[in-house]
Amino acid sequence: MDVIARRSAEIQFGLAWNWEYDQDFIQLIDRACLLAGIRCYLIGPHNLEETWLEVQNNERHFLWFLDRASDNDERFLRLNQLLQTKGTRFLNAHHHYQRAIDKANIHGDLLLRGLHVPLTIILPPAETEPDLDPRILEPFPRPFVVKPSRGGGGVGVVLSATELAHVAQTRQQLRHLRFLVQQRIEPQLLRGRRAWFRVYYVCGQVLPCWWDDQTHRYAVVTPADAAVVNVSELERITRIVAEVSQLDFFSTEIALDRSDRYIVVDYVNDPCDMRLQSKHFDGPPDTLVHRIVQIIVDHLRQQFQPASETSPDEISYWP
């Protein structure tokens, strides 16, 4: 391939997506890349096979890539794996993603780094060890939480388990997965709000949000909240989760319990839900989504224009 053809085929940023509710987020990134002079290329089910062939034949080359599709569609994973062989750099490299989203994998690492996590027992898959000793539940006050080590959307999660039958029942639904039995954390109330937070880590920046674990309603953490929220501790914890997970873009759930401890309740969420709150009651604030888009695009621009003045390593409030 000659130099002219090579340049015409080079894409600075590729973005794979297949969830209909991602459309607003994808369009925001696409437009922000255009304004920043970054060549962006979107891959969906409609052009996935064509793109795979172009990459395979060296007719298209991606410098950077964000995959928001292969977590539930293995056809996109095939493209992801091909891009890795072509030297493409990833936001959230797949091997780090695979390890980090398994709660059982990183539970011990977070403990070793000194973070507070719920009292936890990790159970083997039901298909390899179907019978459980009821004595394993003795350390847990009732009710307790049962959750699969992988997955999202509440599938397989029991928030108010009280007996071994509840554990056995949910393990049978996902027999191939390990399960976590965990102490249920009850957060403090701060100015009438449940002290439960969803904190985003995006390319070196930390963005904290209030997140009500009962209503799933978000609100921004503002400088005025610093009187009751230890924002520096939220940042410290999130950066440690980032170091352990090796991910560039994720969220983590942290709660302030009745003993004044900030506890990592749900370690890594990826892909992050980017539905706009203006359209979805339980979506993240629009200002947060816009901020995340800008951070990602600024990060990409720094890869191509290292002299950029934007700092990638700070904690951010908005608007």
Protein backbone atom coordinates (compact mmCIF):
# COMPACT_ATOMS: atom_id res chain seq x y z
CA MET A 1 0.00 0.00 0.00
CA ASP A 2 1.49 3.36 -0.99
CA VAL A 3 1.68 6.33 1.40
CA ILE A 4 -1.35 8.15 -0.07
CA ALA A 5 -3.57 5.08 0.19
CA ARG A 6 -2.32 4.35 3.71
CA ARG A 7 -3.18 7.87 4.91
CA SER A 8 -6.61 7.77 3.35
CA ALA A 9 -7.36 4.53 5.21
CA GLU A 10 -6.10 5.72 8.60
CA ILE A 11 -8.78 6.43 11.20
CA GLN A 12 -7.73 8.19 14.38
CA PHE A 13 -10.62 6.89 16.49
CA GLY A 14 -13.00 3.99 15.98
CA LEU A 15 -16.09 3.45 18.08
CA ALA A 16 -18.14 0.23 18.12
CA TRP A 17 -21.67 0.29 19.49
CA ASN A 18 -24.87 -1.76 19.25
CA TRP A 19 -27.19 -0.53 22.04
CA GLU A 20 -30.01 1.69 20.83
CA TYR A 21 -29.85 3.85 23.97
CA ASP A 22 -26.19 4.66 23.23
CA GLN A 23 -27.17 6.78 20.24
CA ASP A 24 -27.02 10.17 21.95
CA PHE A 25 -23.63 9.44 23.51
CA ILE A 26 -22.23 8.17 20.21
CA GLN A 27 -23.47 11.21 18.33
CA LEU A 28 -21.97 13.54 20.94
CA ILE A 29 -18.56 11.88 20.61
CA ASP A 30 -18.75 11.88 16.83
CA ARG A 31 -19.56 15.59 16.74
CA ALA A 32 -16.90 16.47 19.34
CA CYS A 33 -14.29 14.59 17.32
CA LEU A 34 -15.33 16.47 14.19
CA LEU A 35 -14.95 19.82 15.96
CA ALA A 36 -11.56 18.74 17.33
CA GLY A 37 -10.31 17.67 13.91
CA ILE A 38 -10.19 13.99 14.87
CA ARG A 39 -11.25 11.51 12.22
CA CYS A 40 -13.87 9.25 13.85
CA TYR A 41 -15.46 6.13 12.38
CA LEU A 42 -18.54 4.43 13.87
CA ILE A 43 -19.06 0.67 13.65
CA GLY A 44 -22.46 -0.93 14.22
CA PRO A 45 -24.11 -4.18 13.16
CA HIS A 46 -24.78 -2.68 9.73
CA ASN A 47 -21.11 -2.24 8.78
CA LEU A 48 -19.33 -4.63 11.15
CA GLU A 49 -18.49 -7.32 8.58
CA GLU A 50 -17.38 -4.78 5.99
CA THR A 51 -15.11 -3.08 8.54
CA TRP A 52 -13.63 -6.39 9.65
CA LEU A 53 -12.70 -7.22 6.04
CA GLU A 54 -11.18 -3.78 5.48
CA VAL A 55 -9.04 -4.11 8.61
CA GLN A 56 -8.06 -7.67 7.72
CA ASN A 57 -6.98 -6.54 4.24
CA ASN A 58 -5.12 -3.48 5.60
CA GLU A 59 -7.54 -1.20 3.79
CA ARG A 60 -8.50 0.56 7.02
CA HIS A 61 -6.35 1.18 10.07
CA PHE A 62 -7.50 2.47 13.47
CA LEU A 63 -5.09 4.28 15.77
CA TRP A 64 -7.44 4.28 18.81
CA PHE A 65 -10.60 2.35 19.55
CA LEU A 66 -13.45 2.20 22.08
CA ASP A 67 -15.51 -1.00 22.10
CA ARG A 68 -19.01 -0.65 23.59
CA ALA A 69 -20.47 -3.68 21.84
CA SER A 70 -18.52 -6.90 22.35
CA ASP A 71 -19.67 -7.34 25.96
CA ASN A 72 -22.96 -8.74 24.60
CA ASP A 73 -22.17 -9.53 20.95
CA GLU A 74 -19.25 -11.81 20.14
CA ARG A 75 -19.21 -10.66 16.52
CA PHE A 76 -17.70 -7.39 17.73
CA LEU A 77 -15.17 -9.28 19.82
CA ARG A 78 -13.79 -10.76 16.59
CA LEU A 79 -13.12 -7.23 15.33
CA ASN A 80 -11.65 -6.25 18.69
CA GLN A 81 -9.20 -9.14 18.56
CA LEU A 82 -8.22 -8.37 14.99
CA LEU A 83 -7.51 -4.74 15.83
CA GLN A 84 -5.20 -5.84 18.62
CA THR A 85 -3.07 -7.72 16.10
CA LYS A 86 -2.90 -4.56 13.98
CA GLY A 87 -1.45 -2.40 16.73
CA THR A 88 -4.58 -0.38 17.53
CA ARG A 89 -4.57 1.25 20.97
CA PHE A 90 -7.70 0.86 23.10
CA LEU A 91 -9.60 2.77 25.69
CA ASN A 92 -10.25 -0.22 27.97
CA ALA A 93 -8.11 -2.95 26.44
CA HIS A 94 -10.14 -6.14 26.24
CA HIS A 95 -7.86 -8.31 28.40
CA HIS A 96 -8.04 -5.73 31.19
CA TYR A 97 -11.81 -5.48 30.74
CA GLN A 98 -12.26 -9.27 30.97
CA ARG A 99 -10.37 -9.44 34.23
CA ALA A 100 -11.81 -6.30 35.83
CA ILE A 101 -15.51 -7.00 35.30
CA ASP A 102 -15.22 -10.28 37.22
CA LYS A 103 -15.75 -9.16 40.82
CA ALA A 104 -14.17 -12.34 42.16
CA ASN A 105 -10.97 -11.59 40.23
CA ILE A 106 -10.25 -8.17 41.68
CA HIS A 107 -11.85 -8.49 45.12
CA GLY A 108 -8.61 -9.68 46.71
CA ASP A 109 -6.50 -7.08 44.91
CA LEU A 110 -8.66 -4.27 46.25
CA LEU A 111 -8.30 -5.67 49.77
CA LEU A 112 -4.53 -5.84 49.36
CA ARG A 113 -4.52 -2.17 48.36
CA GLY A 114 -6.20 -1.31 51.63
CA LEU A 115 -9.68 -0.50 50.37
CA HIS A 116 -12.79 -1.23 52.42
CA VAL A 117 -15.11 -3.73 50.72
CA PRO A 118 -18.16 -5.56 52.10
CA LEU A 119 -17.57 -8.75 54.09
CA THR A 120 -17.53 -11.29 51.26
CA ILE A 121 -17.41 -15.01 50.58
CA ILE A 122 -16.70 -16.13 47.00
CA LEU A 123 -18.56 -19.28 45.97
CA PRO A 124 -17.50 -21.63 43.14
CA PRO A 125 -19.85 -22.20 40.18
CA ALA A 126 -22.84 -24.41 40.88
CA GLU A 127 -21.88 -26.67 37.98
CA THR A 128 -18.63 -27.64 39.76
CA GLU A 129 -19.83 -27.50 43.38
CA PRO A 130 -23.64 -27.64 43.58
CA ASP A 131 -23.96 -28.26 47.33
CA LEU A 132 -23.09 -25.65 49.94
CA ASP A 133 -22.41 -25.95 53.64
CA PRO A 134 -25.03 -23.79 55.41
CA ARG A 135 -22.38 -22.73 57.91
CA ILE A 136 -20.89 -20.38 55.30
CA LEU A 137 -23.69 -17.93 56.08
CA GLU A 138 -22.95 -17.70 59.80
CA PRO A 139 -20.81 -14.51 59.54
CA PHE A 140 -23.54 -12.56 57.75
CA PRO A 141 -26.25 -10.54 59.44
CA ARG A 142 -29.62 -10.83 57.71
CA PRO A 143 -30.45 -9.75 55.10
CA PHE A 144 -27.35 -10.12 52.92
CA VAL A 145 -26.58 -9.72 49.21
CA VAL A 146 -25.93 -12.45 46.65
CA LYS A 147 -24.55 -11.50 43.23
CA PRO A 148 -22.82 -13.26 40.31
CA SER A 149 -19.16 -12.42 39.81
CA ARG A 150 -19.89 -11.20 36.26
CA GLY A 151 -22.77 -9.46 34.58
CA GLY A 152 -24.93 -6.41 35.10
CA GLY A 153 -28.43 -5.06 35.06
CA GLY A 154 -29.26 -6.85 38.31
CA VAL A 155 -29.37 -10.30 36.66
CA GLY A 156 -28.88 -12.98 39.31
CA VAL A 157 -28.66 -10.44 42.15
CA VAL A 158 -30.56 -10.96 45.41
CA LEU A 159 -30.45 -7.84 47.58
CA SER A 160 -32.35 -9.21 50.59
CA ALA A 161 -31.31 -12.85 50.95
CA THR A 162 -31.88 -14.41 54.36
CA GLU A 163 -31.21 -18.13 53.95
CA LEU A 164 -29.22 -20.72 52.02
CA ALA A 165 -32.16 -21.46 49.71
CA HIS A 166 -31.92 -17.93 48.29
CA VAL A 167 -28.24 -18.48 47.51
CA ALA A 168 -28.87 -21.89 45.93
CA GLN A 169 -31.74 -20.63 43.80
CA THR A 170 -29.84 -17.77 42.17
CA ARG A 171 -26.73 -19.94 41.66
CA GLN A 172 -28.85 -22.38 39.65
CA GLN A 173 -29.82 -19.59 37.25
CA LEU A 174 -26.18 -18.97 36.27
CA ARG A 175 -24.52 -22.30 36.97
CA HIS A 176 -21.26 -21.48 35.19
CA LEU A 177 -20.45 -18.37 37.26
CA ARG A 178 -18.86 -17.83 40.63
CA PHE A 179 -21.02 -15.94 43.13
CA LEU A 180 -20.32 -13.44 45.88
CA VAL A 181 -22.20 -13.51 49.16
CA GLN A 182 -21.77 -10.09 50.72
CA GLN A 183 -22.72 -8.08 53.75
CA ARG A 184 -25.43 -5.58 52.83
CA ILE A 185 -24.23 -2.01 53.30
CA GLU A 186 -26.63 0.56 54.69
CA PRO A 187 -25.38 4.07 53.91
CA GLN A 188 -25.56 7.13 56.10
CA LEU A 189 -27.91 9.97 55.33
CA LEU A 190 -26.17 13.21 54.42
CA ARG A 191 -28.48 16.20 54.31
CA GLY A 192 -31.32 13.80 53.64
CA ARG A 193 -29.50 11.92 50.87
CA ARG A 194 -28.33 8.33 50.95
CA ALA A 195 -24.54 8.49 50.98
CA TRP A 196 -24.12 6.26 47.95
CA PHE A 197 -21.98 7.42 45.06
CA ARG A 198 -21.22 6.38 41.53
CA VAL A 199 -17.80 7.73 40.66
CA TYR A 200 -16.55 7.84 37.08
CA TYR A 201 -12.94 7.44 36.03
CA VAL A 202 -12.30 8.79 32.55
CA CYS A 203 -8.78 8.96 31.08
CA GLY A 204 -7.21 10.10 34.34
CA GLN A 205 -10.01 12.31 35.60
CA VAL A 206 -12.41 11.52 38.44
CA LEU A 207 -16.07 12.58 38.28
CA PRO A 208 -18.15 11.87 41.41
CA CYS A 209 -21.96 11.61 41.41
CA TRP A 210 -24.57 10.97 44.02
CA TRP A 211 -26.40 7.79 43.05
CA ASP A 212 -29.38 6.58 45.05
CA ASP A 213 -29.17 2.78 45.22
CA GLN A 214 -32.93 2.56 45.73
CA THR A 215 -34.26 4.98 43.08
CA HIS A 216 -31.19 4.80 40.78
CA ARG A 217 -31.42 8.57 40.47
CA TYR A 218 -28.19 10.51 39.82
CA ALA A 219 -27.17 14.01 40.91
CA VAL A 220 -23.90 15.83 40.46
CA VAL A 221 -21.49 16.25 43.36
CA THR A 222 -20.81 19.97 43.55
CA PRO A 223 -18.17 21.97 45.47
CA ALA A 224 -20.90 22.84 47.99
CA ASP A 225 -21.22 19.12 48.84
CA ALA A 226 -17.62 19.05 50.06
CA ALA A 227 -18.90 20.11 53.49
CA VAL A 228 -20.42 16.64 53.98
CA VAL A 229 -18.76 14.47 51.31
CA ASN A 230 -15.08 13.53 51.49
CA VAL A 231 -14.47 14.08 47.80
CA SER A 232 -10.73 13.50 48.16
CA GLU A 233 -11.41 10.05 49.59
CA LEU A 234 -13.75 9.22 46.71
CA GLU A 235 -10.99 10.26 44.34
CA ARG A 236 -8.30 8.26 46.18
CA ILE A 237 -10.43 5.11 46.16
CA THR A 238 -11.37 5.47 42.50
CA ARG A 239 -7.75 5.93 41.44
CA ILE A 240 -6.80 2.74 43.26
CA VAL A 241 -9.62 0.87 41.49
CA ALA A 242 -8.27 2.30 38.22
CA GLU A 243 -4.76 1.04 39.01
CA VAL A 244 -6.06 -2.42 39.89
CA SER A 245 -8.40 -2.70 36.90
CA GLN A 246 -6.08 -1.00 34.37
CA LEU A 247 -9.17 0.50 32.70
CA ASP A 248 -9.40 3.98 31.20
CA PHE A 249 -13.17 4.50 31.41
CA PHE A 250 -15.44 2.95 34.05
CA SER A 251 -17.55 3.75 37.09
CA THR A 252 -17.43 2.37 40.61
CA GLU A 253 -19.98 2.42 43.43
CA ILE A 254 -18.88 3.69 46.83
CA ALA A 255 -21.03 4.04 49.96
CA LEU A 256 -20.38 5.80 53.27
CA ASP A 257 -21.50 3.36 55.95
CA ARG A 258 -22.69 3.97 59.50
CA SER A 259 -19.10 3.56 60.76
CA ASP A 260 -17.84 6.46 58.62
CA ARG A 261 -16.06 4.15 56.19
CA TYR A 262 -16.17 4.67 52.43
CA ILE A 263 -16.78 1.15 51.12
CA VAL A 264 -16.41 0.00 47.51
CA VAL A 265 -19.73 -1.74 46.98
CA ASP A 266 -19.59 -2.54 43.26
CA TYR A 267 -16.06 -2.52 41.96
CA VAL A 268 -16.14 -1.88 38.21
CA ASN A 269 -19.01 -1.02 35.87
CA ASP A 270 -18.16 -1.09 32.17
CA PRO A 271 -19.55 -0.17 29.70
CA CYS A 272 -20.95 2.81 31.59
CA ASP A 273 -24.59 3.75 31.08
CA MET A 274 -24.51 7.03 29.14
CA ARG A 275 -28.25 7.61 28.63
CA LEU A 276 -29.06 11.28 29.05
CA GLN A 277 -31.01 12.14 32.19
CA SER A 278 -33.08 14.61 30.18
CA LYS A 279 -34.52 11.59 28.34
CA HIS A 280 -34.28 8.86 30.99
CA PHE A 281 -35.18 9.36 34.64
CA ASP A 282 -32.42 7.02 35.82
CA GLY A 283 -29.74 8.17 33.37
CA PRO A 284 -26.64 10.14 34.39
CA PRO A 285 -26.87 13.95 34.28
CA ASP A 286 -26.53 15.47 30.82
CA THR A 287 -23.69 17.65 32.09
CA LEU A 288 -21.79 14.55 33.17
CA VAL A 289 -22.21 12.86 29.80
CA HIS A 290 -21.05 16.00 27.99
CA ARG A 291 -18.06 16.25 30.34
CA ILE A 292 -17.10 12.62 29.71
CA VAL A 293 -17.29 13.17 25.96
CA GLN A 294 -15.01 16.18 26.21
CA ILE A 295 -12.48 14.33 28.38
CA ILE A 296 -12.30 11.44 25.92
CA VAL A 297 -11.86 13.75 22.94
CA ASP A 298 -9.24 15.84 24.78
CA HIS A 299 -7.39 12.63 25.64
CA LEU A 300 -7.40 11.58 21.99
CA ARG A 301 -6.30 15.01 20.84
CA GLN A 302 -3.35 14.80 23.22
CA GLN A 303 -2.24 11.59 21.51
CA PHE A 304 -2.04 13.44 18.21
CA GLN A 305 -1.11 16.90 19.58
CA PRO A 306 1.05 16.33 22.68
CA ALA A 307 1.42 20.05 23.28
CA SER A 308 -2.22 20.36 24.40
CA GLU A 309 -2.62 22.29 27.63
CA THR A 310 -5.44 20.07 28.96
CA SER A 311 -4.43 18.20 32.12
CA PRO A 312 -5.54 14.54 32.11
CA ASP A 313 -4.98 14.04 35.81
CA GLU A 314 -7.43 15.96 37.96
CA ILE A 315 -10.67 15.66 39.84
CA SER A 316 -13.50 17.53 38.18
CA TYR A 317 -16.69 19.24 39.20
CA TRP A 318 -19.23 20.44 36.69
CA PRO A 319 -20.85 22.45 35.25
